[in-house]
N, C-alpha and C. Protein backbone atom coordinates (compact mmCIF):
# COMPACT_ATOMS: atom_id res chain seq x y z
N MET A 1 -77.57 19.89 31.42
CA MET A 1 -77.02 19.43 32.67
C MET A 1 -76.37 18.07 32.44
N ALA A 2 -75.29 17.82 33.12
CA ALA A 2 -74.53 16.59 32.93
C ALA A 2 -75.20 15.39 33.59
N TYR A 3 -76.06 15.63 34.56
CA TYR A 3 -76.69 14.54 35.28
C TYR A 3 -78.13 14.38 34.84
N ASP A 4 -78.62 13.17 34.90
CA ASP A 4 -80.00 12.89 34.53
C ASP A 4 -80.86 12.87 35.79
N ILE A 5 -81.06 14.06 36.36
CA ILE A 5 -81.83 14.19 37.60
C ILE A 5 -83.18 14.82 37.25
N PRO A 6 -84.28 14.18 37.70
CA PRO A 6 -85.58 14.76 37.40
C PRO A 6 -85.76 16.12 38.06
N ASP A 7 -86.50 16.99 37.40
CA ASP A 7 -86.78 18.31 37.94
C ASP A 7 -87.74 18.17 39.11
N HIS A 8 -87.42 18.81 40.22
CA HIS A 8 -88.31 18.78 41.38
C HIS A 8 -88.21 20.11 42.12
N PRO A 9 -89.23 20.44 42.91
CA PRO A 9 -89.22 21.70 43.64
C PRO A 9 -88.04 21.77 44.61
N VAL A 10 -87.54 22.96 44.79
CA VAL A 10 -86.47 23.21 45.74
C VAL A 10 -87.07 23.95 46.93
N MET A 11 -86.70 23.55 48.11
CA MET A 11 -87.22 24.20 49.31
C MET A 11 -86.08 24.90 50.02
N ILE A 12 -86.28 26.16 50.35
CA ILE A 12 -85.30 26.94 51.10
C ILE A 12 -85.91 27.19 52.47
N PRO A 13 -85.32 26.62 53.50
CA PRO A 13 -85.92 26.80 54.83
C PRO A 13 -85.87 28.25 55.29
N MET A 14 -87.04 28.82 55.52
CA MET A 14 -87.14 30.16 56.10
C MET A 14 -88.55 30.32 56.63
N THR A 15 -88.67 31.19 57.60
CA THR A 15 -89.99 31.45 58.17
C THR A 15 -90.77 32.35 57.21
N ARG A 16 -92.06 32.44 57.45
CA ARG A 16 -92.89 33.33 56.64
C ARG A 16 -92.42 34.78 56.78
N ASP A 17 -92.07 35.17 58.01
CA ASP A 17 -91.57 36.54 58.23
C ASP A 17 -90.29 36.79 57.44
N GLU A 18 -89.39 35.81 57.42
CA GLU A 18 -88.16 35.96 56.65
C GLU A 18 -88.45 36.08 55.15
N ALA A 19 -89.39 35.26 54.67
CA ALA A 19 -89.74 35.30 53.25
C ALA A 19 -90.37 36.65 52.89
N GLU A 20 -91.24 37.16 53.75
CA GLU A 20 -91.85 38.46 53.48
C GLU A 20 -90.80 39.57 53.50
N SER A 21 -89.89 39.51 54.45
CA SER A 21 -88.82 40.51 54.54
C SER A 21 -87.93 40.46 53.30
N LEU A 22 -87.59 39.26 52.87
CA LEU A 22 -86.78 39.10 51.67
C LEU A 22 -87.51 39.65 50.46
N SER A 23 -88.79 39.36 50.34
CA SER A 23 -89.58 39.85 49.21
C SER A 23 -89.63 41.37 49.20
N LEU A 24 -89.83 41.98 50.36
CA LEU A 24 -89.85 43.44 50.44
C LEU A 24 -88.49 44.03 50.03
N SER A 25 -87.42 43.39 50.46
CA SER A 25 -86.08 43.86 50.09
C SER A 25 -85.84 43.71 48.59
N LEU A 26 -86.30 42.61 48.01
CA LEU A 26 -86.15 42.42 46.56
C LEU A 26 -86.98 43.45 45.80
N SER A 27 -88.18 43.76 46.30
CA SER A 27 -89.01 44.78 45.66
C SER A 27 -88.31 46.14 45.70
N ASP A 28 -87.70 46.46 46.82
CA ASP A 28 -86.98 47.72 46.96
C ASP A 28 -85.80 47.77 45.99
N LEU A 29 -85.06 46.67 45.89
CA LEU A 29 -83.93 46.60 44.97
C LEU A 29 -84.40 46.79 43.53
N LEU A 30 -85.48 46.12 43.15
CA LEU A 30 -85.99 46.25 41.78
C LEU A 30 -86.46 47.68 41.50
N CYS A 31 -87.07 48.32 42.48
CA CYS A 31 -87.51 49.71 42.32
C CYS A 31 -86.30 50.61 42.11
N TRP A 32 -85.26 50.41 42.92
CA TRP A 32 -84.05 51.21 42.79
C TRP A 32 -83.43 51.00 41.41
N LEU A 33 -83.38 49.75 40.95
CA LEU A 33 -82.81 49.46 39.63
C LEU A 33 -83.59 50.14 38.52
N ASP A 34 -84.91 50.17 38.63
CA ASP A 34 -85.72 50.85 37.61
C ASP A 34 -85.40 52.34 37.58
N GLY A 35 -85.22 52.95 38.75
CA GLY A 35 -84.84 54.36 38.80
C GLY A 35 -83.46 54.60 38.22
N PHE A 36 -82.54 53.71 38.52
CA PHE A 36 -81.18 53.79 38.00
C PHE A 36 -81.18 53.71 36.48
N ARG A 37 -81.96 52.76 35.95
CA ARG A 37 -82.04 52.60 34.50
C ARG A 37 -82.73 53.80 33.86
N ALA A 38 -83.76 54.34 34.50
CA ALA A 38 -84.48 55.50 33.96
C ALA A 38 -83.57 56.72 33.90
N ALA A 39 -82.69 56.86 34.89
CA ALA A 39 -81.80 58.02 34.92
C ALA A 39 -80.77 57.97 33.79
N ARG A 40 -80.56 56.80 33.23
CA ARG A 40 -79.57 56.67 32.15
C ARG A 40 -80.17 56.82 30.76
N ILE A 41 -81.49 56.97 30.66
CA ILE A 41 -82.13 57.13 29.36
C ILE A 41 -81.58 58.38 28.69
N GLY A 42 -81.21 58.24 27.44
CA GLY A 42 -80.67 59.36 26.69
C GLY A 42 -79.16 59.51 26.81
N THR A 43 -78.53 58.63 27.57
CA THR A 43 -77.08 58.65 27.70
C THR A 43 -76.50 57.50 26.88
N PRO A 44 -75.21 57.49 26.66
CA PRO A 44 -74.59 56.36 25.95
C PRO A 44 -74.72 55.04 26.73
N TYR A 45 -75.12 55.11 27.99
CA TYR A 45 -75.19 53.92 28.82
C TYR A 45 -76.62 53.46 29.10
N ASP A 46 -77.58 53.96 28.34
CA ASP A 46 -78.98 53.64 28.66
C ASP A 46 -79.33 52.17 28.45
N ASP A 47 -78.52 51.43 27.73
CA ASP A 47 -78.82 50.00 27.56
C ASP A 47 -77.97 49.13 28.48
N HIS A 48 -77.17 49.74 29.34
CA HIS A 48 -76.36 48.98 30.29
C HIS A 48 -77.09 48.86 31.62
N HIS A 49 -77.21 47.66 32.09
CA HIS A 49 -77.84 47.43 33.38
C HIS A 49 -77.32 46.12 33.95
N PRO A 50 -77.44 45.92 35.24
CA PRO A 50 -76.93 44.70 35.86
C PRO A 50 -77.62 43.46 35.32
N MET A 51 -76.86 42.39 35.24
CA MET A 51 -77.44 41.11 34.85
C MET A 51 -78.25 40.57 36.03
N GLY A 52 -79.22 39.76 35.76
CA GLY A 52 -79.97 39.10 36.81
C GLY A 52 -81.24 39.79 37.26
N VAL A 53 -81.57 40.91 36.64
CA VAL A 53 -82.78 41.64 37.06
C VAL A 53 -84.02 40.77 36.90
N GLU A 54 -84.13 40.09 35.78
CA GLU A 54 -85.30 39.23 35.56
C GLU A 54 -85.33 38.06 36.53
N ALA A 55 -84.15 37.53 36.88
CA ALA A 55 -84.09 36.43 37.85
C ALA A 55 -84.57 36.90 39.22
N VAL A 56 -84.18 38.11 39.62
CA VAL A 56 -84.62 38.68 40.90
C VAL A 56 -86.13 38.89 40.86
N ARG A 57 -86.64 39.41 39.75
CA ARG A 57 -88.08 39.63 39.61
C ARG A 57 -88.84 38.30 39.70
N THR A 58 -88.32 37.27 39.05
CA THR A 58 -88.97 35.96 39.05
C THR A 58 -89.03 35.36 40.44
N ILE A 59 -87.90 35.37 41.16
CA ILE A 59 -87.91 34.80 42.51
C ILE A 59 -88.78 35.62 43.44
N ASN A 60 -88.83 36.92 43.26
CA ASN A 60 -89.69 37.77 44.09
C ASN A 60 -91.16 37.43 43.85
N LEU A 61 -91.54 37.25 42.60
CA LEU A 61 -92.93 36.87 42.30
C LEU A 61 -93.27 35.51 42.89
N LYS A 62 -92.32 34.58 42.85
CA LYS A 62 -92.57 33.26 43.44
C LYS A 62 -92.74 33.37 44.95
N LEU A 63 -91.94 34.23 45.60
CA LEU A 63 -92.11 34.44 47.03
C LEU A 63 -93.47 35.04 47.33
N LYS A 64 -93.91 35.99 46.53
CA LYS A 64 -95.19 36.66 46.77
C LYS A 64 -96.38 35.69 46.65
N THR A 65 -96.24 34.64 45.83
CA THR A 65 -97.35 33.68 45.70
C THR A 65 -97.55 32.89 46.98
N VAL A 66 -96.54 32.84 47.84
CA VAL A 66 -96.64 32.10 49.10
C VAL A 66 -97.55 32.82 50.09
N PHE A 67 -97.58 34.16 50.02
CA PHE A 67 -98.36 34.93 50.99
C PHE A 67 -99.80 34.90 50.61
């Protein structure tokens, strides 16, 4: 990073209900992606998948720790 800013927690304003709804939606997306990837096993495209899956999983796990 170009700036010398200390690392600190980031807060995203949302209600608990919004956070739970977002987490459920992220879980659904991750489940769909796993099915999509499983359907491609054995094809020339079995190693192709969207970028950011691990980032979505990480933020979802962080949301779940709040509940």
